[in-house]
Protein backbone atom coordinates (compact mmCIF):
# COMPACT_ATOMS: atom_id res chain seq x y z
CA MET A 1 -50.25 95.17 -40.45
CA ILE A 2 -46.66 96.74 -41.36
CA VAL A 3 -45.70 95.55 -37.96
CA PHE A 4 -46.89 91.60 -38.53
CA LEU A 5 -44.89 91.72 -41.81
CA ILE A 6 -41.93 92.46 -40.12
CA VAL A 7 -41.93 89.90 -37.40
CA LYS A 8 -42.68 87.36 -39.71
CA LYS A 9 -39.66 87.95 -42.08
CA ARG A 10 -37.66 87.86 -39.44
CA ILE A 11 -38.74 84.54 -38.08
CA VAL A 12 -37.91 83.38 -41.76
CA PHE A 13 -34.65 84.96 -41.92
CA ILE A 14 -33.90 82.65 -38.70
CA LEU A 15 -35.06 79.66 -39.70
CA LEU A 16 -33.53 79.79 -42.80
CA LEU A 17 -30.49 80.41 -41.32
CA LEU A 18 -30.88 77.54 -38.96
CA ILE A 19 -31.14 74.97 -41.74
CA VAL A 20 -27.92 76.32 -43.17
CA LEU A 21 -25.78 75.82 -40.21
CA ILE A 22 -27.87 72.25 -39.45
CA ALA A 23 -26.51 71.46 -43.11
CA VAL A 24 -23.21 72.76 -42.34
CA LEU A 25 -22.92 71.12 -39.44
CA ALA A 26 -24.10 67.85 -40.92
CA ALA A 27 -21.74 68.00 -43.86
CA VAL A 28 -18.74 68.67 -41.43
CA LYS A 29 -19.49 65.90 -39.40
CA ALA A 30 -19.97 63.81 -42.64
CA LEU A 31 -16.57 64.79 -44.20
CA GLN A 32 -14.96 63.73 -40.01
CA ILE A 33 -16.81 60.45 -40.12
CA GLY A 34 -15.91 59.28 -44.02
CA ALA A 35 -12.27 60.25 -42.77
CA MET A 36 -12.49 57.83 -39.86
CA ILE A 37 -13.95 55.03 -41.64
CA ASN A 38 -11.00 55.66 -44.48
CA GLN A 39 -8.67 55.82 -41.95
CA GLY A 40 -9.94 52.57 -40.48
CA LYS A 41 -9.68 50.53 -43.96
CA LYS A 42 -6.25 51.51 -44.04
CA PHE A 43 -4.98 50.66 -40.46
CA ILE A 44 -3.30 47.92 -40.05
CA PRO A 45 -3.10 46.08 -36.58
CA PRO A 46 -0.08 45.14 -35.52
CA PRO A 47 1.26 41.61 -35.47
CA GLU A 48 0.20 39.33 -32.63
CA THR A 49 2.68 37.32 -30.73
CA VAL A 50 1.67 33.72 -30.71
CA THR A 51 4.12 30.17 -29.81
CA SER A 52 4.08 27.44 -32.20
CA SER A 53 4.48 23.79 -32.59
CA ALA A 54 4.60 21.45 -35.52
CA VAL A 55 2.52 18.49 -36.18
CA LYS A 56 4.26 15.04 -35.59
CA THR A 57 3.83 11.73 -36.26
CA GLU A 58 3.86 10.14 -33.19
CA THR A 59 3.48 6.16 -32.15
CA TRP A 60 0.99 5.50 -29.59
CA GLU A 61 0.16 2.30 -27.21
CA THR A 62 -3.45 0.92 -28.09
CA VAL A 63 -5.39 1.26 -24.38
CA LEU A 64 -8.40 0.45 -23.33
CA THR A 65 -9.57 2.53 -20.22
CA SER A 66 -12.05 1.97 -17.72
CA VAL A 67 -13.25 2.75 -14.09
CA GLY A 68 -11.61 0.23 -11.22
CA THR A 69 -12.27 -0.12 -7.94
CA LEU A 70 -9.77 -1.71 -5.55
CA ASN A 71 -10.54 -5.17 -3.63
CA ALA A 72 -7.93 -6.86 -1.23
CA VAL A 73 -6.50 -9.89 -2.57
CA GLN A 74 -7.60 -11.59 1.06
CA GLY A 75 -10.22 -9.57 3.50
CA VAL A 76 -12.27 -10.52 6.23
CA MET A 77 -13.83 -9.42 9.45
CA VAL A 78 -12.69 -11.66 11.81
CA SER A 79 -15.61 -12.62 14.43
CA ALA A 80 -16.30 -14.89 16.98
CA GLU A 81 -16.65 -18.52 16.72
CA LEU A 82 -18.04 -19.36 19.84
CA ALA A 83 -20.03 -17.66 22.76
CA GLY A 84 -17.61 -16.74 25.15
CA LYS A 85 -16.49 -13.40 27.71
CA VAL A 86 -13.27 -11.65 26.28
CA VAL A 87 -10.50 -12.00 29.12
CA LYS A 88 -7.40 -10.70 26.86
CA ILE A 89 -6.79 -8.42 23.78
CA ASN A 90 -3.63 -9.38 21.66
CA PHE A 91 -3.35 -6.60 18.84
CA GLU A 92 -3.07 -2.68 18.35
CA PRO A 93 -5.64 -1.57 15.68
CA GLY A 94 -3.95 -0.30 12.17
CA THR A 95 -0.95 -2.83 12.76
CA HIS A 96 0.65 -5.32 10.87
CA VAL A 97 0.14 -8.87 11.95
CA LYS A 98 1.35 -12.39 10.61
CA LYS A 99 -0.24 -15.64 10.15
CA GLY A 100 -1.16 -17.39 12.99
CA ASP A 101 -0.91 -14.42 15.48
CA ILE A 102 -3.34 -14.10 18.60
CA LEU A 103 -5.87 -11.54 18.59
CA LEU A 104 -7.93 -12.54 21.54
CA SER A 105 -8.64 -14.66 23.95
CA GLN A 106 -11.73 -15.92 25.73
CA ASP A 107 -12.48 -17.45 28.91
CA THR A 108 -12.25 -20.83 28.78
CA SER A 109 -12.17 -21.84 32.61
CA SER A 110 -15.41 -24.08 31.73
CA GLU A 111 -13.81 -26.19 29.21
CA GLU A 112 -10.20 -26.45 30.57
CA ALA A 113 -12.08 -27.45 34.09
CA GLN A 114 -14.15 -30.39 31.90
CA LEU A 115 -10.78 -31.33 30.19
CA PRO A 116 -9.35 -33.62 33.04
CA GLY A 117 -11.92 -35.43 33.49
CA ALA A 118 -12.42 -36.10 29.64
CA LEU A 119 -8.77 -37.34 29.56
CA ALA A 120 -9.30 -39.75 32.51
CA GLN A 121 -12.15 -41.21 30.53
CA VAL A 122 -10.10 -41.87 27.38
CA ASN A 123 -7.63 -43.73 30.06
CA LEU A 124 -10.01 -45.27 31.43
CA TYR A 125 -11.56 -46.48 28.28
CA ARG A 126 -8.75 -47.24 26.59
CA THR A 127 -7.05 -49.62 29.76
CA ASN A 128 -10.44 -51.09 29.29
CA LEU A 129 -10.37 -52.10 25.61
CA ALA A 130 -6.45 -53.31 25.83
CA ARG A 131 -8.03 -55.87 28.72
CA ALA A 132 -10.87 -56.40 26.10
CA ASP A 133 -8.30 -56.94 23.39
CA GLN A 134 -6.12 -59.51 25.67
CA LEU A 135 -9.78 -61.44 26.59
CA LEU A 136 -10.71 -61.73 23.40
CA ALA A 137 -7.49 -63.38 22.43
CA LYS A 138 -8.29 -65.66 24.90
CA GLY A 139 -11.41 -66.69 24.23
CA ILE A 140 -12.95 -65.46 27.26
CA ILE A 141 -15.27 -62.78 26.16
CA ALA A 142 -17.33 -62.23 23.15
CA ARG A 143 -16.19 -59.91 19.95
CA ALA A 144 -18.94 -57.68 20.60
CA ASP A 145 -17.46 -56.90 24.35
CA ARG A 146 -14.71 -55.68 22.39
CA ASP A 147 -16.49 -53.79 19.76
CA ASN A 148 -18.44 -52.17 22.67
CA ALA A 149 -14.98 -51.17 24.21
CA VAL A 150 -13.55 -49.81 20.98
CA ALA A 151 -16.77 -47.81 20.95
CA ASN A 152 -16.46 -45.91 24.33
CA ALA A 153 -12.76 -45.48 23.73
CA GLU A 154 -13.49 -43.67 20.44
CA GLN A 155 -16.50 -41.53 22.10
CA ALA A 156 -14.30 -40.74 25.35
CA GLN A 157 -11.56 -39.31 23.10
CA ALA A 158 -14.41 -37.72 20.94
CA GLN A 159 -15.22 -35.58 23.66
CA ALA A 160 -11.86 -34.92 24.85
CA ASP A 161 -10.83 -33.36 21.44
CA SER A 162 -13.79 -31.70 21.28
CA ILE A 163 -13.54 -29.58 24.70
CA ARG A 164 -9.99 -29.41 23.07
CA ALA A 165 -11.60 -27.50 19.85
CA ALA A 166 -13.38 -24.81 22.27
CA ILE A 167 -10.19 -24.28 23.84
CA ALA A 168 -8.72 -23.61 20.37
CA LYS A 169 -11.68 -21.80 19.08
CA LYS A 170 -11.61 -19.17 21.50
CA THR A 171 -8.13 -18.17 21.11
CA ILE A 172 -8.99 -16.29 17.94
CA ARG A 173 -5.80 -16.08 15.61
CA THR A 174 -5.29 -14.59 12.01
CA PRO A 175 -6.08 -16.73 9.61
CA PHE A 176 -3.39 -14.65 7.05
CA SER A 177 -1.12 -11.84 7.47
CA GLY A 178 -1.95 -8.75 6.72
CA HIS A 179 -3.42 -4.74 8.49
CA LEU A 180 -6.02 -4.58 10.67
CA GLY A 181 -8.55 -2.26 11.17
CA ILE A 182 -10.67 -0.46 13.88
CA ARG A 183 -10.99 -2.80 16.99
CA GLN A 184 -14.80 -3.55 17.28
CA VAL A 185 -14.58 -5.48 21.25
CA ASN A 186 -13.62 -4.25 24.41
CA LEU A 187 -12.41 -6.13 27.70
CA GLY A 188 -14.98 -8.54 29.26
CA GLN A 189 -17.24 -8.10 26.92
CA MET A 190 -19.67 -11.06 26.41
CA LEU A 191 -19.62 -12.04 22.68
CA ARG A 192 -21.77 -14.37 20.55
CA GLU A 193 -21.21 -16.62 17.93
CA GLY A 194 -20.63 -14.08 14.61
CA ASP A 195 -19.71 -10.94 16.34
CA PRO A 196 -17.21 -8.99 14.59
CA ILE A 197 -13.89 -8.69 16.91
CA VAL A 198 -11.66 -6.33 13.80
CA THR A 199 -11.24 -6.13 10.19
CA LEU A 200 -7.91 -7.73 8.42
CA GLN A 201 -6.86 -6.58 4.83
CA SER A 202 -4.19 -8.12 2.63
CA LEU A 203 -2.98 -4.92 0.83
CA ASP A 204 0.16 -6.30 -0.73
CA PRO A 205 -0.78 -7.24 -3.57
CA ILE A 206 -3.98 -5.74 -4.26
CA TYR A 207 -6.61 -6.01 -7.31
CA ALA A 208 -8.02 -3.50 -9.48
CA ASP A 209 -11.59 -4.81 -10.82
CA PHE A 210 -13.42 -3.26 -13.71
CA ASN A 211 -15.67 -4.00 -16.82
CA LEU A 212 -15.13 -3.31 -20.05
CA PRO A 213 -17.61 -3.36 -23.33
CA GLN A 214 -18.09 -7.13 -24.77
CA GLN A 215 -16.76 -5.75 -28.04
CA GLN A 216 -13.10 -5.47 -26.40
CA PHE A 217 -13.41 -8.91 -25.26
CA PRO A 218 -11.60 -10.64 -27.84
CA GLN A 219 -8.39 -8.27 -27.07
CA VAL A 220 -8.25 -9.00 -23.75
CA ARG A 221 -6.35 -12.15 -22.24
CA PRO A 222 -4.58 -12.24 -18.98
CA GLY A 223 -0.91 -11.59 -19.09
CA LEU A 224 -1.79 -7.43 -20.40
CA GLY A 225 -0.29 -4.48 -18.78
CA VAL A 226 -2.29 -2.26 -17.29
CA HIS A 227 -1.69 1.24 -15.95
CA VAL A 228 -3.69 2.49 -13.02
CA THR A 229 -3.90 5.85 -11.93
CA GLY A 230 -6.21 8.18 -9.60
CA ASP A 231 -6.82 10.80 -7.20
CA THR A 232 -5.63 9.48 -3.93
CA ILE A 233 -1.65 9.06 -6.55
CA PRO A 234 -1.73 12.05 -8.15
CA GLY A 235 1.22 12.02 -10.37
CA GLU A 236 2.12 8.48 -10.46
CA THR A 237 0.83 5.69 -12.64
CA ILE A 238 1.10 1.90 -10.68
CA ARG A 239 1.64 -1.03 -12.93
CA GLY A 240 0.19 -4.33 -12.62
CA ARG A 241 -1.42 -7.27 -15.29
CA ILE A 242 -4.41 -8.84 -16.18
CA THR A 243 -4.73 -12.09 -13.63
CA ALA A 244 -8.10 -13.01 -14.34
CA ILE A 245 -11.15 -12.12 -16.92
CA ASN A 246 -14.61 -13.69 -16.03
CA PRO A 247 -15.98 -16.20 -18.10
CA GLY A 248 -19.57 -14.76 -18.55
CA VAL A 249 -20.84 -11.22 -20.03
CA ASP A 250 -23.28 -9.30 -17.75
CA ALA A 251 -26.61 -9.62 -19.24
CA GLU A 252 -27.52 -6.49 -18.11
CA THR A 253 -24.53 -4.21 -19.54
CA ARG A 254 -23.41 -6.53 -21.81
CA SER A 255 -19.69 -6.37 -20.05
CA ILE A 256 -16.69 -8.03 -18.97
CA LYS A 257 -15.42 -8.01 -15.61
CA VAL A 258 -11.65 -7.82 -15.90
CA GLN A 259 -9.31 -8.24 -12.59
CA ALA A 260 -5.97 -6.93 -12.52
CA THR A 261 -3.21 -7.66 -9.83
CA LEU A 262 -1.09 -4.31 -8.72
CA ASP A 263 2.22 -3.83 -6.62
CA ASN A 264 1.14 -2.16 -3.65
CA ARG A 265 4.27 -2.13 -1.63
CA ALA A 266 3.95 1.75 -0.70
CA MET A 267 0.70 1.15 0.54
CA LYS A 268 -0.87 4.14 -0.98
CA LEU A 269 -3.57 1.97 -2.38
CA ARG A 270 -6.50 0.55 -0.20
CA PRO A 271 -9.46 -1.27 -0.68
CA GLY A 272 -12.83 0.50 -1.74
CA MET A 273 -10.66 3.39 -4.24
CA PHE A 274 -11.94 4.58 -6.96
CA VAL A 275 -9.42 4.88 -9.76
CA ASN A 276 -9.07 4.81 -13.57
CA VAL A 277 -7.61 2.11 -15.37
CA ALA A 278 -5.99 1.60 -18.75
CA VAL A 279 -5.15 -1.97 -20.33
CA GLY A 280 -2.00 -1.93 -22.71
CA LEU A 281 -2.51 -3.80 -26.11
CA PRO A 282 0.13 -5.27 -27.99
CA ALA A 283 -0.76 -2.99 -31.22
CA SER A 284 0.65 0.05 -31.46
CA GLN A 285 -0.87 3.17 -33.62
CA LYS A 286 0.51 5.82 -35.87
CA VAL A 287 -1.39 9.51 -34.75
CA LEU A 288 -0.73 12.88 -35.71
CA THR A 289 -0.02 14.82 -32.45
CA ILE A 290 -0.71 18.39 -31.48
CA PRO A 291 -0.86 20.19 -28.24
CA ALA A 292 -4.46 20.16 -26.80
CA THR A 293 -4.01 23.73 -26.27
CA ALA A 294 -3.55 24.32 -29.81
CA VAL A 295 -7.55 23.61 -30.59
CA LEU A 296 -10.52 26.08 -30.40
CA TYR A 297 -13.24 23.93 -29.13
CA ALA A 298 -16.30 25.33 -30.70
CA PRO A 299 -20.42 23.53 -31.23
CA TYR A 300 -20.75 23.65 -35.00
CA SER A 301 -16.64 22.22 -34.95
CA ASP A 302 -13.40 22.19 -33.68
CA SER A 303 -10.22 23.98 -35.35
CA VAL A 304 -6.57 24.91 -34.83
CA PHE A 305 -4.84 27.66 -36.74
CA VAL A 306 -2.18 27.06 -39.06
CA ILE A 307 0.69 29.85 -39.28
CA GLU A 308 1.44 29.72 -43.00
CA GLU A 309 4.02 32.65 -44.76
CA LYS A 310 2.38 35.72 -46.86
CA ARG A 311 3.99 38.32 -49.47
CA ASP A 312 2.78 41.88 -48.72
CA ASP A 313 1.97 43.33 -52.67
CA LYS A 314 2.17 46.46 -51.18
CA GLU A 315 5.70 46.46 -49.28
CA GLY A 316 7.14 43.43 -50.76
CA LYS A 317 7.86 41.61 -47.82
CA VAL A 318 7.21 38.31 -46.67
CA GLY A 319 4.93 37.65 -43.17
CA LYS A 320 3.74 35.11 -41.33
CA VAL A 321 -0.07 35.03 -41.26
CA LEU A 322 -2.82 32.72 -39.24
CA ARG A 323 -5.29 30.30 -41.21
CA GLN A 324 -7.66 28.59 -39.43
CA GLN A 325 -8.51 25.25 -40.43
CA PHE A 326 -11.00 22.44 -39.13
CA VAL A 327 -9.68 19.12 -37.52
CA ARG A 328 -11.62 16.21 -35.89
CA ILE A 329 -9.36 15.13 -32.94
CA GLY A 330 -9.48 11.69 -30.95
CA GLU A 331 -7.90 10.62 -28.17
CA LYS A 332 -6.51 12.57 -26.12
CA ARG A 333 -2.90 11.58 -23.83
CA GLY A 334 -1.31 14.11 -21.15
CA ASP A 335 -1.02 17.71 -23.37
CA PHE A 336 -1.34 16.52 -26.12
CA VAL A 337 -4.58 15.25 -28.43
CA ALA A 338 -4.45 13.01 -31.65
CA VAL A 339 -5.73 14.96 -34.67
CA THR A 340 -7.79 12.26 -37.24
CA SER A 341 -8.11 14.90 -40.27
CA GLY A 342 -7.61 18.27 -41.13
CA LEU A 343 -3.75 18.32 -40.65
CA LYS A 344 -0.62 17.22 -41.98
CA GLU A 345 2.66 16.60 -40.51
CA GLY A 346 5.42 19.02 -40.45
CA GLU A 347 2.73 22.02 -40.60
CA THR A 348 2.89 24.67 -38.35
CA ILE A 349 0.36 25.79 -35.55
CA VAL A 350 -0.64 28.20 -32.85
CA THR A 351 -0.23 26.24 -29.54
CA THR A 352 -1.84 28.87 -26.97
CA GLY A 353 -4.33 31.81 -26.83
CA VAL A 354 -6.11 30.27 -29.70
CA PHE A 355 -9.21 32.28 -28.43
CA LYS A 356 -7.95 35.95 -29.48
CA LEU A 357 -7.14 34.76 -32.83
CA ARG A 358 -9.03 35.67 -36.19
CA ASN A 359 -8.23 34.07 -39.60
CA GLY A 360 -5.99 35.97 -41.60
CA GLN A 361 -4.23 38.05 -38.84
CA ALA A 362 -0.58 38.64 -38.78
CA VAL A 363 1.39 36.98 -36.21
CA VAL A 364 4.76 36.98 -34.74
CA VAL A 365 6.64 33.48 -33.47
CA ASP A 366 8.04 33.70 -30.15
CA ASN A 367 8.75 30.42 -27.92
CA LYS A 368 10.67 31.65 -25.40
CA LEU A 369 7.55 31.02 -23.14
CA ALA A 370 6.00 28.29 -24.99
CA PRO A 371 4.70 25.86 -22.47
CA ASP A 372 6.55 22.16 -22.33
CA PHE A 373 3.65 19.86 -23.21
CA GLN A 374 4.30 16.58 -21.66
CA LYS A 375 2.41 13.35 -22.28
CA ALA A 376 2.22 12.19 -18.56
CA PRO A 377 1.82 15.62 -17.07
CA ARG A 378 3.17 16.27 -13.22
CA PRO A 379 1.96 19.46 -11.81
CA GLU A 380 3.57 21.47 -9.19
CA ASN A 381 2.18 21.00 -5.96
CA ASN A 382 2.05 24.77 -5.68
């Protein structure tokens, strides 16, 4: 019994000792955490280095934008008018040709064999007609006989002209100047009526066809300038003018079709290409502009960081801090975007790295490495 009491006392003593030890450790840890919290509250992060730009008022040309397709001013698939055998090919695919150049010759031996006989008939009936005129003048024959001679002469002439026309149609010429495509015939091939020979496209100038909503119809008229850009001409803008507007509105899309004529002396534009079209209107608008990289895009609202000066009450120093300002943005042109509300002219904003900033943060402005923002940027081909 005495041994049991001694063991029980020792166990109780050990438990009390453990409780005291745990309490001491907890108190020490609480003091450490409290010290860290107090240190965190007193810690002031160093100022963030940012680039800046002033909000400016600029005059932007009012434009209507659309997506267009390029079409040749003249473009055809040159085809065979008559059936016949190809005896000569006079063109090289992909070359430039002039109006009237001979592209291809078909076999005309049959027609050429028939032509002398037809011409002999013409001469015979013309002689008969001349004789009939003389006899009619003397009253030897009736006028009906003379009319019959006239009909025979005209019929013989028509027959000869028909043979000449067949020979001419089998000598296929270019209907206009332009660039040839890929050859689709071979020497010795038998062509039927309508069989394709080669495509012919007139490329300079070239048309850009595009659609605009019917609400914009009153603003558009022939003669307005257009700017065309595209993936096939990176960094370039080709200018032209509106030359035609469709008189009717498409009943399905409620849009009007517009056609612009573009200069294509460099031959960089080809029919069928997709392009971006901007129609410049006479009216211009004044807008507040900022670099597009200054905007922090978010689902609820877009914002920018305005740089303001603020005095430190403790140290009495004046520093720069950020104020997050919600804005509404409008049209974008190049590296700039228009601001419709939320900013004033002359305010200074952060232009880069806005995703890592927060409201009230201290900053230092350093524009040595600030990007060169442009309305019509031309990226380098690296």
